[in-house]
Protein backbone atom coordinates (compact mmCIF):
# COMPACT_ATOMS: atom_id res chain seq x y z
CA MET A 1 150.39 -59.52 -9.90
CA GLU A 2 152.24 -56.28 -9.63
CA ARG A 3 150.49 -53.72 -7.38
CA LEU A 4 149.26 -50.59 -9.19
CA PRO A 5 150.94 -47.29 -8.36
CA SER A 6 149.17 -45.26 -5.69
CA TRP A 7 148.45 -42.34 -8.03
CA LEU A 8 146.74 -44.68 -10.50
CA ARG A 9 144.67 -46.33 -7.76
CA GLN A 10 143.49 -42.89 -6.61
CA HIS A 11 142.45 -41.93 -10.13
CA LEU A 12 140.59 -45.20 -10.62
CA ALA A 13 138.78 -44.76 -7.29
CA ALA A 14 137.77 -41.24 -8.30
CA LEU A 15 136.57 -42.49 -11.69
CA ARG A 16 134.46 -45.21 -10.04
CA ALA A 17 132.94 -42.62 -7.70
CA VAL A 18 132.05 -40.37 -10.66
CA VAL A 19 130.39 -43.27 -12.51
CA VAL A 20 128.43 -44.46 -9.43
CA LEU A 21 127.27 -40.97 -8.44
CA THR A 22 126.34 -40.11 -12.05
CA VAL A 23 124.16 -43.21 -12.33
CA LEU A 24 122.69 -42.73 -8.86
CA LEU A 25 122.06 -38.97 -8.89
CA GLY A 26 121.91 -38.29 -12.62
CA VAL A 27 119.75 -41.23 -13.71
CA ILE A 28 118.07 -43.19 -10.91
CA TYR A 29 117.14 -40.25 -8.65
CA PRO A 30 115.60 -38.10 -11.45
CA LEU A 31 113.65 -41.10 -12.77
CA VAL A 32 112.28 -41.91 -9.32
CA THR A 33 111.32 -38.32 -8.46
CA THR A 34 109.78 -37.79 -11.92
CA GLY A 35 107.82 -41.03 -11.60
CA VAL A 36 106.51 -40.11 -8.16
CA ALA A 37 105.55 -36.62 -9.37
CA GLN A 38 103.72 -38.02 -12.41
CA ALA A 39 101.92 -40.61 -10.30
CA LEU A 40 100.85 -38.34 -7.44
CA PHE A 41 100.79 -34.82 -8.93
CA ASN A 42 100.33 -35.37 -12.64
CA GLY A 43 98.62 -32.07 -13.44
CA LYS A 44 100.97 -29.89 -11.39
CA ALA A 45 104.06 -31.75 -12.58
CA ASN A 46 103.10 -31.01 -16.19
CA GLY A 47 102.60 -27.27 -15.69
CA SER A 48 99.02 -27.13 -14.36
CA ILE A 49 97.77 -26.90 -17.94
CA VAL A 50 94.17 -25.74 -18.36
CA GLN A 51 92.10 -27.10 -21.25
CA ALA A 52 88.94 -25.85 -22.93
CA GLY A 53 87.20 -27.60 -25.80
CA GLY A 54 89.89 -30.26 -25.82
CA LYS A 55 92.67 -27.70 -26.37
CA ASP A 56 95.36 -26.33 -24.09
CA VAL A 57 94.48 -22.70 -23.39
CA GLY A 58 96.99 -21.78 -20.68
CA SER A 59 98.28 -22.60 -17.25
CA ALA A 60 96.57 -22.11 -13.91
CA ILE A 61 99.85 -20.86 -12.42
CA ILE A 62 101.12 -18.59 -15.22
CA GLY A 63 99.30 -15.44 -16.28
CA GLN A 64 98.62 -14.42 -19.85
CA LYS A 65 97.34 -11.50 -21.88
CA PHE A 66 93.78 -11.19 -23.14
CA THR A 67 94.43 -8.77 -25.98
CA ASP A 68 93.91 -8.66 -29.74
CA LYS A 69 96.66 -8.81 -32.38
CA ASP A 70 97.34 -5.09 -31.91
CA GLY A 71 97.72 -5.43 -28.14
CA ASN A 72 94.39 -3.84 -27.29
CA PRO A 73 92.33 -5.35 -24.45
CA VAL A 74 89.54 -7.68 -25.57
CA LYS A 75 86.69 -5.99 -23.73
CA LYS A 76 84.61 -9.10 -23.08
CA TYR A 77 87.43 -10.62 -21.02
CA PHE A 78 88.87 -9.70 -17.65
CA GLN A 79 92.36 -8.28 -18.03
CA SER A 80 95.43 -9.50 -16.16
CA ARG A 81 97.86 -7.33 -14.24
CA PRO A 82 100.94 -6.01 -16.09
CA SER A 83 103.97 -8.25 -16.59
CA ALA A 84 107.67 -7.42 -16.89
CA ALA A 85 108.66 -10.97 -17.92
CA GLY A 86 109.92 -10.73 -21.49
CA ASP A 87 107.10 -9.57 -23.74
CA GLY A 88 104.73 -10.51 -20.91
CA TYR A 89 104.27 -13.68 -18.85
CA ASP A 90 107.27 -15.39 -20.48
CA PRO A 91 108.34 -18.26 -18.14
CA THR A 92 111.84 -18.23 -19.68
CA SER A 93 112.28 -14.55 -18.79
CA THR A 94 110.59 -14.34 -15.40
CA SER A 95 111.59 -11.08 -13.76
CA ALA A 96 110.48 -7.79 -12.29
CA SER A 97 111.19 -4.42 -13.88
CA ASN A 98 113.84 -3.69 -11.20
CA LEU A 99 112.52 -0.13 -11.03
CA GLY A 100 111.91 1.29 -7.57
CA PRO A 101 109.89 4.13 -6.00
CA ASP A 102 112.66 6.64 -6.69
CA ASP A 103 112.40 6.04 -10.45
CA ILE A 104 110.24 9.06 -11.28
CA VAL A 105 112.03 10.91 -14.10
CA ASP A 106 111.67 9.61 -17.66
CA GLY A 107 114.82 8.88 -19.63
CA PRO A 108 116.20 11.45 -22.11
CA ASN A 109 115.54 9.09 -25.03
CA GLY A 110 111.91 8.38 -24.24
CA GLY A 111 112.37 5.60 -21.67
CA GLN A 112 109.50 5.67 -19.20
CA SER A 113 110.11 5.83 -15.48
CA LEU A 114 108.18 3.52 -13.16
CA LEU A 115 106.02 6.47 -12.11
CA THR A 116 105.05 7.30 -15.70
CA GLN A 117 104.33 3.63 -16.43
CA VAL A 118 101.96 3.53 -13.45
CA CYS A 119 100.31 6.81 -14.47
CA ALA A 120 99.84 5.73 -18.09
CA ARG A 121 98.37 2.37 -17.07
CA SER A 122 96.02 3.98 -14.57
CA LYS A 123 94.76 6.46 -17.17
CA ALA A 124 94.19 3.70 -19.76
CA ILE A 125 92.44 1.37 -17.31
CA GLY A 126 90.26 4.21 -16.03
CA GLU A 127 89.15 4.97 -19.58
CA LEU A 128 88.43 1.29 -20.24
CA ALA A 129 86.41 0.92 -17.03
CA GLY A 130 84.65 4.28 -17.28
CA VAL A 131 86.12 5.61 -14.02
CA SER A 132 88.72 8.20 -13.10
CA GLY A 133 92.28 6.99 -13.66
CA ALA A 134 93.70 9.85 -11.58
CA ARG A 135 96.41 9.05 -9.03
CA PRO A 136 98.65 11.11 -6.77
CA TYR A 137 101.85 12.29 -8.52
CA CYS A 138 100.30 11.75 -11.97
CA THR A 139 99.42 14.40 -14.56
CA PRO A 140 96.01 14.40 -16.31
CA ASP A 141 97.70 13.20 -19.51
CA GLY A 142 99.13 10.12 -17.77
CA VAL A 143 102.79 10.79 -16.92
CA GLY A 144 104.65 11.41 -13.69
CA ALA A 145 103.99 14.86 -12.21
CA VAL A 146 107.63 15.75 -11.61
CA LEU A 147 109.38 19.11 -11.81
CA LYS A 148 113.03 19.97 -12.20
CA VAL A 149 113.43 23.28 -10.39
CA PHE A 150 116.10 25.81 -11.33
CA PRO A 151 116.74 29.29 -9.85
CA ASP A 152 114.78 31.10 -12.56
CA HIS A 153 112.33 28.52 -13.90
CA ALA A 154 110.94 25.00 -13.51
CA VAL A 155 110.44 22.20 -16.02
CA SER A 156 107.77 19.46 -16.12
CA VAL A 157 110.39 16.95 -17.28
CA ASN A 158 108.00 14.10 -18.10
CA GLN A 159 105.79 16.26 -20.33
CA ALA A 160 107.61 16.68 -23.63
CA CYS A 161 107.00 19.84 -25.62
CA PRO A 162 104.62 20.97 -27.00
CA ALA A 163 102.58 19.53 -24.10
CA THR A 164 101.02 21.99 -21.68
CA PRO A 165 102.59 21.58 -18.19
CA PHE A 166 100.22 20.29 -15.51
CA VAL A 167 100.89 23.45 -13.45
CA ALA A 168 101.60 26.92 -14.82
CA THR A 169 103.82 28.07 -11.95
CA TYR A 170 105.70 26.61 -8.99
CA GLU A 171 106.70 28.81 -6.07
CA GLY A 172 106.53 31.85 -8.34
CA LEU A 173 108.55 30.23 -11.12
CA LYS A 174 107.15 29.66 -14.60
CA VAL A 175 106.84 25.96 -15.47
CA GLU A 176 107.92 24.89 -18.95
CA CYS A 177 107.44 21.66 -20.86
CA GLY A 178 110.41 19.34 -21.21
CA LYS A 179 112.59 19.63 -24.30
CA PRO A 180 113.57 16.18 -25.63
CA GLY A 181 117.31 15.57 -25.33
CA GLU A 182 117.83 18.43 -22.86
CA ASP A 183 119.91 17.66 -19.76
CA TYR A 184 117.97 18.63 -16.64
CA ALA A 185 120.12 16.72 -14.16
CA ALA A 186 121.26 19.91 -12.41
CA GLY A 187 117.73 20.82 -11.38
CA ARG A 188 116.15 19.96 -8.04
CA THR A 189 113.70 17.06 -8.44
CA VAL A 190 110.25 17.81 -7.02
CA PRO A 191 107.39 15.28 -7.33
CA VAL A 192 104.00 17.00 -7.06
CA ARG A 193 101.25 15.05 -5.32
CA GLY A 194 98.34 16.99 -6.76
CA GLU A 195 94.74 16.80 -5.55
CA ALA A 196 93.89 13.21 -6.52
CA GLY A 197 92.40 11.28 -3.64
CA THR A 198 92.21 7.51 -3.24
CA PRO A 199 92.64 6.03 -6.74
CA ALA A 200 89.69 4.22 -8.28
CA VAL A 201 92.13 1.91 -10.10
CA PRO A 202 93.69 -0.65 -7.70
CA ALA A 203 97.46 -0.91 -7.31
CA ASP A 204 97.73 -4.41 -8.81
CA ALA A 205 96.16 -3.10 -12.03
CA VAL A 206 99.12 -0.78 -12.63
CA THR A 207 102.08 -2.71 -11.18
CA ALA A 208 103.66 -6.00 -12.18
CA SER A 209 104.32 -8.84 -9.74
CA GLY A 210 107.85 -9.75 -8.68
CA SER A 211 107.92 -12.81 -10.93
CA GLY A 212 106.05 -11.24 -13.84
CA LEU A 213 104.02 -14.47 -14.06
CA ASP A 214 101.23 -13.90 -11.52
CA PRO A 215 97.95 -15.34 -12.92
CA HIS A 216 95.83 -13.56 -10.31
CA ILE A 217 94.31 -10.14 -9.79
CA SER A 218 92.75 -8.70 -6.66
CA PRO A 219 88.98 -8.94 -6.11
CA ALA A 220 88.94 -5.13 -6.25
CA TYR A 221 90.40 -5.11 -9.77
CA ALA A 222 87.96 -7.82 -10.84
CA GLU A 223 85.04 -5.80 -9.44
CA LEU A 224 86.24 -2.75 -11.37
CA GLN A 225 86.13 -4.70 -14.63
CA ALA A 226 82.83 -6.50 -13.96
CA PRO A 227 80.46 -3.83 -15.41
CA ARG A 228 82.41 -3.69 -18.68
CA VAL A 229 82.48 -7.46 -19.06
CA ALA A 230 78.78 -7.78 -18.27
CA ARG A 231 77.93 -5.04 -20.77
CA GLU A 232 80.11 -6.52 -23.55
CA ARG A 233 78.64 -10.00 -23.06
CA GLY A 234 75.07 -8.85 -22.56
CA ILE A 235 74.66 -10.71 -19.26
CA ALA A 236 73.54 -9.60 -15.82
CA LEU A 237 76.15 -7.89 -13.63
CA ASP A 238 75.10 -10.08 -10.69
CA LYS A 239 75.96 -13.19 -12.74
CA VAL A 240 79.44 -11.83 -13.44
CA LYS A 241 79.96 -11.04 -9.77
CA GLN A 242 78.90 -14.58 -8.84
CA LEU A 243 81.56 -15.96 -11.18
CA ILE A 244 84.16 -13.64 -9.65
CA GLU A 245 83.31 -14.97 -6.20
CA ALA A 246 83.42 -18.57 -7.43
CA ASN A 247 86.92 -18.05 -8.83
CA THR A 248 88.30 -16.20 -5.81
CA THR A 249 90.72 -18.02 -3.52
CA GLY A 250 91.06 -16.96 0.11
CA ARG A 251 94.15 -16.40 2.21
CA THR A 252 96.50 -19.38 2.59
CA PHE A 253 95.77 -21.10 5.93
CA GLY A 254 93.29 -18.30 6.57
CA PHE A 255 95.89 -15.62 7.35
CA MET A 256 98.69 -15.62 4.77
CA GLY A 257 98.49 -13.37 1.70
CA GLU A 258 95.37 -11.80 0.26
CA PRO A 259 92.30 -13.13 -1.59
CA ALA A 260 92.95 -13.41 -5.34
CA VAL A 261 91.07 -14.13 -8.57
CA ASN A 262 92.54 -16.43 -11.23
CA VAL A 263 91.97 -14.49 -14.47
CA LEU A 264 92.17 -17.42 -16.91
CA GLU A 265 89.78 -19.58 -14.92
CA LEU A 266 87.36 -16.65 -14.50
CA ASN A 267 87.36 -15.96 -18.25
CA LEU A 268 86.79 -19.65 -19.01
CA SER A 269 83.88 -19.67 -16.57
CA LEU A 270 82.41 -16.70 -18.46
CA ASP A 271 82.75 -18.51 -21.78
CA LYS A 272 81.00 -21.57 -20.35
CA ALA A 273 78.23 -19.41 -18.89
């Protein structure tokens, strides 16, 4: 039999390698790993789905909103932290806002800076919880307290006219409200800390996690919401606090991370109670 040309033998060897590796790594290996995962970690392998009343109600590892059809918080439930993943907690769009601590001036077309987002959330949560939502560098009306300073005047750029600026003067200069569409880039940016002390609203209540999918809140944020939930459900505050403690996980290995409360599991415990 005539020997095949070397170039053809090389191509056939490469083709055999592709077929063998495809079967081994593309079929056998995935089937084995999937089978092991289903056998040993069935719940986790299938998304850690949580059921109530025989229905899937969420995942223990992915957060979700507890709001009505208009996006308003349902007061009898504990609320999750904000999410920047898609429209909120979208596993296909997991992400952070990519806004950093220097993002303090709102966009000219109404886009909110990170500072204004934090201020607005803190004000809303404070009103919901019946506490002060005041924070450093935030105005009373819930936007970033930031001035653009020019030689003859200053502008509260995040407070659109006809809003009243949070301060009347700055270093002897009259402070004006911001005119939508006006370019204030030439001004000197001055964030104003104000007189707000330690915020009553915890940081995790006003900032999203890096993934946008975090199902947990801090015990401090849960404690802040406890009186409202107890009042809306007509149950004792001590009972609500007991459920918070029961659904709080400690630090990993006793020293890594911080204690956290799973919001979905806490709300389900309330419904059962």
